Amino acid sequence: MAAMGEREAEDTEHVRRLLQALGTAHDAPRPTPPPAPDVHVGLADGRLLAIELTTIHPDAGHGSSSALRAQEQLKAEKAAGRPYSIWVPTTSAEAIKLAVRDKTKKAAGYKTEPGAELWLLLNGSLAKPGAVAATFMFPALLDLTALRTQTHDVLSASRFEAAYLQLGLGRGLYEWKRDSNWQVRIEPQMFDEGRQMLDYLRGTPFLTMVVGR
């Protein structure tokens, strides 16, 4: 089997962390090329999941890439181990809504393996140099009411059987199901984020975020 690329390795690791957080025994996640969803993974109970992943960039608008992500990557490179600061958005509801709508449209053309159950995994607050600020989501400002209002009907009309919003820093997890809408599955650890950031980014540029907008 060919070695996985960086993106594939990250996707399978995100899926592994999700299933670990859910307490679900599973086989090794397998990256799958388009038009299949990003990852397929077999569960110990015999089910097969096809999981599509996307990263939430709070500054990204409809059809646009994240200018903040590009800016942060340049800052991290120029910092060369020194602290740097960057303004980050404080809200993410609009970016989540747009990502969900985009993925539900694409899901109509996904080719899953026979019997696979389709899930959507949204990732935020990545513990990754050059991406921490650009993907950072403030749990205290995550509006579940808006999330439910703006995405439940869209997800219910899609092929997705479940959707998750996973935060790398803080290890929060939010879950959507057709019969329960969005719920907090694992409460983010708000006061542990600084220590986790240092653990994840040990030996890499330390990031000082300046809150804005």
C-alpha atoms as a PDB file:
ATOM      1  CA  MET A   1       0.000   0.000   0.000  1.00  0.00           C
ATOM      2  CA  ALA A   2       1.333   3.463  -0.893  1.00  0.00           C
ATOM      3  CA  ALA A   3       2.363   5.731   1.972  1.00  0.00           C
ATOM      4  CA  MET A   4      -0.246   8.277   3.025  1.00  0.00           C
ATOM      5  CA  GLY A   5       0.276  11.948   2.238  1.00  0.00           C
ATOM      6  CA  GLU A   6       0.114  14.629   4.934  1.00  0.00           C
ATOM      7  CA  ARG A   7      -3.551  15.427   4.287  1.00  0.00           C
ATOM      8  CA  GLU A   8      -4.564  11.755   4.361  1.00  0.00           C
ATOM      9  CA  ALA A   9      -2.601  11.163   7.562  1.00  0.00           C
ATOM     10  CA  GLU A  10      -4.298  14.143   9.204  1.00  0.00           C
ATOM     11  CA  ASP A  11      -7.743  12.969   8.107  1.00  0.00           C
ATOM     12  CA  THR A  12      -7.275   9.475   9.486  1.00  0.00           C
ATOM     13  CA  GLU A  13      -5.932  10.906  12.755  1.00  0.00           C
ATOM     14  CA  HIS A  14      -8.986  13.175  13.107  1.00  0.00           C
ATOM     15  CA  VAL A  15     -11.236  10.153  12.577  1.00  0.00           C
ATOM     16  CA  ARG A  16      -9.265   8.096  15.087  1.00  0.00           C
ATOM     17  CA  ARG A  17      -9.620  10.847  17.699  1.00  0.00           C
ATOM     18  CA  LEU A  18     -13.346  11.144  17.032  1.00  0.00           C
ATOM     19  CA  LEU A  19     -13.988   7.435  17.483  1.00  0.00           C
ATOM     20  CA  GLN A  20     -11.776   7.368  20.565  1.00  0.00           C
ATOM     21  CA  ALA A  21     -13.775  10.241  22.067  1.00  0.00           C
ATOM     22  CA  LEU A  22     -16.996   8.347  21.303  1.00  0.00           C
ATOM     23  CA  GLY A  23     -15.584   5.216  22.941  1.00  0.00           C
ATOM     24  CA  THR A  24     -16.085   3.229  19.741  1.00  0.00           C
ATOM     25  CA  ALA A  25     -13.751   0.313  18.967  1.00  0.00           C
ATOM     26  CA  HIS A  26     -12.673   0.352  15.335  1.00  0.00           C
ATOM     27  CA  ASP A  27     -10.233  -0.838  12.709  1.00  0.00           C
ATOM     28  CA  ALA A  28      -7.561   1.442  11.288  1.00  0.00           C
ATOM     29  CA  PRO A  29      -9.199   4.295   9.313  1.00  0.00           C
ATOM     30  CA  ARG A  30      -8.529   4.078   5.555  1.00  0.00           C
ATOM     31  CA  PRO A  31      -8.227   7.149   3.313  1.00  0.00           C
ATOM     32  CA  THR A  32     -10.361   6.857   0.173  1.00  0.00           C
ATOM     33  CA  PRO A  33     -10.000   9.013  -2.967  1.00  0.00           C
ATOM     34  CA  PRO A  34     -12.800  11.076  -4.569  1.00  0.00           C
ATOM     35  CA  PRO A  35     -15.593  10.689  -5.395  1.00  0.00           C
ATOM     36  CA  ALA A  36     -15.662   8.668  -2.156  1.00  0.00           C
ATOM     37  CA  PRO A  37     -15.752  10.470   1.193  1.00  0.00           C
ATOM     38  CA  ASP A  38     -12.319  11.093   2.726  1.00  0.00           C
ATOM     39  CA  VAL A  39     -12.124   8.097   5.065  1.00  0.00           C
ATOM     40  CA  HIS A  40     -13.729   4.676   5.481  1.00  0.00           C
ATOM     41  CA  VAL A  41     -13.455   2.824   8.773  1.00  0.00           C
ATOM     42  CA  GLY A  42     -14.899  -0.437  10.075  1.00  0.00           C
ATOM     43  CA  LEU A  43     -16.304  -0.598  13.603  1.00  0.00           C
ATOM     44  CA  ALA A  44     -16.051  -3.500  16.025  1.00  0.00           C
ATOM     45  CA  ASP A  45     -19.835  -3.946  15.923  1.00  0.00           C
ATOM     46  CA  GLY A  46     -19.674  -4.693  12.190  1.00  0.00           C
ATOM     47  CA  ARG A  47     -20.767  -1.307  10.887  1.00  0.00           C
ATOM     48  CA  LEU A  48     -18.820   0.525   8.203  1.00  0.00           C
ATOM     49  CA  LEU A  49     -18.526   4.318   8.245  1.00  0.00           C
ATOM     50  CA  ALA A  50     -17.736   6.643   5.357  1.00  0.00           C
ATOM     51  CA  ILE A  51     -16.622   9.971   6.821  1.00  0.00           C
ATOM     52  CA  GLU A  52     -16.251  13.256   4.984  1.00  0.00           C
ATOM     53  CA  LEU A  53     -14.040  15.824   6.739  1.00  0.00           C
ATOM     54  CA  THR A  54     -13.594  19.561   6.494  1.00  0.00           C
ATOM     55  CA  THR A  55     -11.755  22.200   8.516  1.00  0.00           C
ATOM     56  CA  ILE A  56     -13.638  25.236   9.766  1.00  0.00           C
ATOM     57  CA  HIS A  57     -11.944  28.588   9.157  1.00  0.00           C
ATOM     58  CA  PRO A  58     -14.117  31.228  10.885  1.00  0.00           C
ATOM     59  CA  ASP A  59     -12.970  33.975   8.497  1.00  0.00           C
ATOM     60  CA  ALA A  60     -13.835  32.069   5.308  1.00  0.00           C
ATOM     61  CA  GLY A  61     -16.895  33.178   3.368  1.00  0.00           C
ATOM     62  CA  HIS A  62     -18.952  31.361   0.757  1.00  0.00           C
ATOM     63  CA  GLY A  63     -16.703  29.989  -1.949  1.00  0.00           C
ATOM     64  CA  SER A  64     -13.599  31.625  -0.495  1.00  0.00           C
ATOM     65  CA  SER A  65     -10.475  30.279   1.119  1.00  0.00           C
ATOM     66  CA  SER A  66      -9.164  31.469   4.470  1.00  0.00           C
ATOM     67  CA  ALA A  67      -7.036  34.605   4.138  1.00  0.00           C
ATOM     68  CA  LEU A  68      -6.211  34.279   7.833  1.00  0.00           C
ATOM     69  CA  ARG A  69      -4.784  30.772   7.326  1.00  0.00           C
ATOM     70  CA  ALA A  70      -2.426  32.024   4.615  1.00  0.00           C
ATOM     71  CA  GLN A  71      -1.443  35.007   6.771  1.00  0.00           C
ATOM     72  CA  GLU A  72      -0.769  32.814   9.792  1.00  0.00           C
ATOM     73  CA  GLN A  73       1.353  30.349   7.835  1.00  0.00           C
ATOM     74  CA  LEU A  74       3.551  33.227   6.662  1.00  0.00           C
ATOM     75  CA  LYS A  75       3.794  34.648  10.183  1.00  0.00           C
ATOM     76  CA  ALA A  76       4.756  31.265  11.609  1.00  0.00           C
ATOM     77  CA  GLU A  77       7.467  30.820   8.996  1.00  0.00           C
ATOM     78  CA  LYS A  78       8.889  34.319   9.510  1.00  0.00           C
ATOM     79  CA  ALA A  79       8.745  34.004  13.306  1.00  0.00           C
ATOM     80  CA  ALA A  80      11.215  31.101  13.139  1.00  0.00           C
ATOM     81  CA  GLY A  81      10.558  30.063  16.719  1.00  0.00           C
ATOM     82  CA  ARG A  82       9.720  33.510  18.132  1.00  0.00           C
ATOM     83  CA  PRO A  83       6.291  34.544  19.469  1.00  0.00           C
ATOM     84  CA  TYR A  84       3.893  36.238  17.076  1.00  0.00           C
ATOM     85  CA  SER A  85       0.413  37.682  17.343  1.00  0.00           C
ATOM     86  CA  ILE A  86      -2.557  37.594  15.010  1.00  0.00           C
ATOM     87  CA  TRP A  87      -6.147  38.772  15.094  1.00  0.00           C
ATOM     88  CA  VAL A  88      -8.744  36.010  15.141  1.00  0.00           C
ATOM     89  CA  PRO A  89     -12.524  36.058  14.590  1.00  0.00           C
ATOM     90  CA  THR A  90     -14.603  35.480  17.703  1.00  0.00           C
ATOM     91  CA  THR A  91     -17.571  33.850  15.985  1.00  0.00           C
ATOM     92  CA  SER A  92     -17.771  30.788  13.759  1.00  0.00           C
ATOM     93  CA  ALA A  93     -21.499  30.158  13.173  1.00  0.00           C
ATOM     94  CA  GLU A  94     -21.533  31.528   9.628  1.00  0.00           C
ATOM     95  CA  ALA A  95     -18.470  29.520   8.586  1.00  0.00           C
ATOM     96  CA  ILE A  96     -19.987  26.331  10.015  1.00  0.00           C
ATOM     97  CA  LYS A  97     -23.268  26.964   8.202  1.00  0.00           C
ATOM     98  CA  LEU A  98     -21.516  27.491   4.875  1.00  0.00           C
ATOM     99  CA  ALA A  99     -19.331  24.407   5.336  1.00  0.00           C
ATOM    100  CA  VAL A 100     -22.346  22.237   6.141  1.00  0.00           C
ATOM    101  CA  ARG A 101     -24.275  23.488   3.117  1.00  0.00           C
ATOM    102  CA  ASP A 102     -21.280  22.905   0.860  1.00  0.00           C
ATOM    103  CA  LYS A 103     -20.703  19.360   2.115  1.00  0.00           C
ATOM    104  CA  THR A 104     -24.365  18.345   1.993  1.00  0.00           C
ATOM    105  CA  LYS A 105     -24.507  19.368  -1.674  1.00  0.00           C
ATOM    106  CA  LYS A 106     -21.361  17.398  -2.471  1.00  0.00           C
ATOM    107  CA  ALA A 107     -22.642  14.394  -0.537  1.00  0.00           C
ATOM    108  CA  ALA A 108     -25.215  13.728  -3.256  1.00  0.00           C
ATOM    109  CA  GLY A 109     -22.392  12.554  -5.517  1.00  0.00           C
ATOM    110  CA  TYR A 110     -20.338  10.585  -2.992  1.00  0.00           C
ATOM    111  CA  LYS A 111     -19.568   6.954  -3.832  1.00  0.00           C
ATOM    112  CA  THR A 112     -19.442   5.005  -0.598  1.00  0.00           C
ATOM    113  CA  GLU A 113     -18.488   1.386  -0.119  1.00  0.00           C
ATOM    114  CA  PRO A 114     -21.513  -0.981   0.099  1.00  0.00           C
ATOM    115  CA  GLY A 115     -23.376  -0.697   3.389  1.00  0.00           C
ATOM    116  CA  ALA A 116     -21.390   2.292   4.630  1.00  0.00           C
ATOM    117  CA  GLU A 117     -23.065   4.860   6.891  1.00  0.00           C
ATOM    118  CA  LEU A 118     -22.175   8.433   5.895  1.00  0.00           C
ATOM    119  CA  TRP A 119     -20.922  10.870   8.565  1.00  0.00           C
ATOM    120  CA  LEU A 120     -19.679  14.462   8.418  1.00  0.00           C
ATOM    121  CA  LEU A 121     -16.765  15.573  10.608  1.00  0.00           C
ATOM    122  CA  LEU A 122     -16.077  19.288  11.065  1.00  0.00           C
ATOM    123  CA  ASN A 123     -12.740  20.128  12.679  1.00  0.00           C
ATOM    124  CA  GLY A 124     -11.817  23.340  14.455  1.00  0.00           C
ATOM    125  CA  SER A 125      -9.130  24.686  16.799  1.00  0.00           C
ATOM    126  CA  LEU A 126      -6.447  22.587  15.126  1.00  0.00           C
ATOM    127  CA  ALA A 127      -3.345  21.949  17.211  1.00  0.00           C
ATOM    128  CA  LYS A 128      -1.114  22.557  14.211  1.00  0.00           C
ATOM    129  CA  PRO A 129       1.572  25.214  13.661  1.00  0.00           C
ATOM    130  CA  GLY A 130       0.395  27.833  11.195  1.00  0.00           C
ATOM    131  CA  ALA A 131      -3.261  26.892  11.680  1.00  0.00           C
ATOM    132  CA  VAL A 132      -4.139  27.376  15.353  1.00  0.00           C
ATOM    133  CA  ALA A 133      -5.446  30.936  15.076  1.00  0.00           C
ATOM    134  CA  ALA A 134      -6.997  30.505  11.625  1.00  0.00           C
ATOM    135  CA  THR A 135      -9.106  27.584  12.843  1.00  0.00           C
ATOM    136  CA  PHE A 136      -9.610  28.664  16.447  1.00  0.00           C
ATOM    137  CA  MET A 137     -13.169  28.516  17.767  1.00  0.00           C
ATOM    138  CA  PHE A 138     -14.211  30.034  21.082  1.00  0.00           C
ATOM    139  CA  PRO A 139     -16.395  27.418  22.808  1.00  0.00           C
ATOM    140  CA  ALA A 140     -18.032  30.017  25.048  1.00  0.00           C
ATOM    141  CA  LEU A 141     -19.177  31.887  21.927  1.00  0.00           C
ATOM    142  CA  LEU A 142     -20.381  28.848  20.001  1.00  0.00           C
ATOM    143  CA  ASP A 143     -24.105  29.499  19.553  1.00  0.00           C
ATOM    144  CA  LEU A 144     -25.839  26.097  19.610  1.00  0.00           C
ATOM    145  CA  THR A 145     -29.215  27.688  18.971  1.00  0.00           C
ATOM    146  CA  ALA A 146     -27.939  29.289  15.769  1.00  0.00           C
ATOM    147  CA  LEU A 147     -26.180  26.072  14.795  1.00  0.00           C
ATOM    148  CA  ARG A 148     -29.403  24.099  15.200  1.00  0.00           C
ATOM    149  CA  THR A 149     -31.498  26.672  13.366  1.00  0.00           C
ATOM    150  CA  GLN A 150     -29.087  27.097  10.465  1.00  0.00           C
ATOM    151  CA  THR A 151     -28.002  23.511   9.826  1.00  0.00           C
ATOM    152  CA  HIS A 152     -30.517  20.968  11.172  1.00  0.00           C
ATOM    153  CA  ASP A 153     -32.917  21.084   8.225  1.00  0.00           C
ATOM    154  CA  VAL A 154     -30.040  21.043   5.736  1.00  0.00           C
ATOM    155  CA  LEU A 155     -28.427  18.025   7.397  1.00  0.00           C
ATOM    156  CA  SER A 156     -31.782  16.242   7.777  1.00  0.00           C
ATOM    157  CA  ALA A 157     -32.371  16.505   4.033  1.00  0.00           C
ATOM    158  CA  SER A 158     -28.877  15.205   3.237  1.00  0.00           C
ATOM    159  CA  ARG A 159     -27.330  11.734   3.084  1.00  0.00           C
ATOM    160  CA  PHE A 160     -25.475  12.253   6.364  1.00  0.00           C
ATOM    161  CA  GLU A 161     -26.636  10.094   9.259  1.00  0.00           C
ATOM    162  CA  ALA A 162     -24.529  11.941  11.816  1.00  0.00           C
ATOM    163  CA  ALA A 163     -22.355  15.035  12.018  1.00  0.00           C
ATOM    164  CA  TYR A 164     -19.706  16.052  14.522  1.00  0.00           C
ATOM    165  CA  LEU A 165     -17.847  19.241  15.347  1.00  0.00           C
ATOM    166  CA  GLN A 166     -14.510  18.343  16.961  1.00  0.00           C
ATOM    167  CA  LEU A 167     -12.197  20.856  18.641  1.00  0.00           C
ATOM    168  CA  GLY A 168      -8.539  19.889  18.810  1.00  0.00           C
ATOM    169  CA  LEU A 169      -7.634  22.382  21.545  1.00  0.00           C
ATOM    170  CA  GLY A 170     -10.005  21.944  24.466  1.00  0.00           C
ATOM    171  CA  ARG A 171     -11.058  18.530  23.138  1.00  0.00           C
ATOM    172  CA  GLY A 172     -14.699  19.572  22.828  1.00  0.00           C
ATOM    173  CA  LEU A 173     -17.111  17.478  20.778  1.00  0.00           C
ATOM    174  CA  TYR A 174     -20.550  18.415  19.436  1.00  0.00           C
ATOM    175  CA  GLU A 175     -22.878  15.837  17.908  1.00  0.00           C
ATOM    176  CA  TRP A 176     -25.774  16.057  15.445  1.00  0.00           C
ATOM    177  CA  LYS A 177     -28.290  13.283  14.939  1.00  0.00           C
ATOM    178  CA  ARG A 178     -31.559  13.417  13.037  1.00  0.00           C
ATOM    179  CA  ASP A 179     -33.635  12.822  16.166  1.00  0.00           C
ATOM    180  CA  SER A 180     -31.721  15.057  18.562  1.00  0.00           C
ATOM    181  CA  ASN A 181     -30.251  18.015  16.629  1.00  0.00           C
ATOM    182  CA  TRP A 182     -26.917  19.448  17.854  1.00  0.00           C
ATOM    183  CA  GLN A 183     -25.856  18.570  21.400  1.00  0.00           C
ATOM    184  CA  VAL A 184     -22.686  18.945  23.424  1.00  0.00           C
ATOM    185  CA  ARG A 185     -21.218  15.446  23.535  1.00  0.00           C
ATOM    186  CA  ILE A 186     -18.015  16.414  25.376  1.00  0.00           C
ATOM    187  CA  GLU A 187     -17.743  19.784  27.104  1.00  0.00           C
ATOM    188  CA  PRO A 188     -14.599  21.680  26.002  1.00  0.00           C
ATOM    189  CA  GLN A 189     -11.968  22.075  28.705  1.00  0.00           C
ATOM    190  CA  MET A 190     -11.736  25.847  28.623  1.00  0.00           C
ATOM    191  CA  PHE A 191      -9.004  26.293  31.215  1.00  0.00           C
ATOM    192  CA  ASP A 192      -6.770  23.562  29.821  1.00  0.00           C
ATOM    193  CA  GLU A 193      -6.268  24.984  26.345  1.00  0.00           C
ATOM    194  CA  GLY A 194      -3.027  26.823  27.103  1.00  0.00           C
ATOM    195  CA  ARG A 195      -1.365  23.678  28.447  1.00  0.00           C
ATOM    196  CA  GLN A 196      -2.633  21.584  25.552  1.00  0.00           C
ATOM    197  CA  MET A 197      -1.337  24.106  23.046  1.00  0.00           C
ATOM    198  CA  LEU A 198       2.125  23.893  24.569  1.00  0.00           C
ATOM    199  CA  ASP A 199       1.954  20.093  24.613  1.00  0.00           C
ATOM    200  CA  TYR A 200       0.924  19.921  20.963  1.00  0.00           C
ATOM    201  CA  LEU A 201       3.266  22.612  19.714  1.00  0.00           C
ATOM    202  CA  ARG A 202       6.311  21.781  21.832  1.00  0.00           C
ATOM    203  CA  GLY A 203       9.404  22.816  19.900  1.00  0.00           C
ATOM    204  CA  THR A 204       7.438  24.931  17.404  1.00  0.00           C
ATOM    205  CA  PRO A 205       6.618  28.662  17.304  1.00  0.00           C
ATOM    206  CA  PHE A 206       4.425  29.708  20.218  1.00  0.00           C
ATOM    207  CA  LEU A 207       1.325  31.580  19.199  1.00  0.00           C
ATOM    208  CA  THR A 208      -0.103  34.621  20.965  1.00  0.00           C
ATOM    209  CA  MET A 209      -3.624  35.302  19.749  1.00  0.00           C
ATOM    210  CA  VAL A 210      -5.096  38.794  19.892  1.00  0.00           C
ATOM    211  CA  VAL A 211      -8.862  38.624  19.884  1.00  0.00           C
ATOM    212  CA  GLY A 212     -10.610  40.856  17.384  1.00  0.00           C
ATOM    213  CA  ARG A 213     -13.815  41.435  15.419  1.00  0.00           C
END
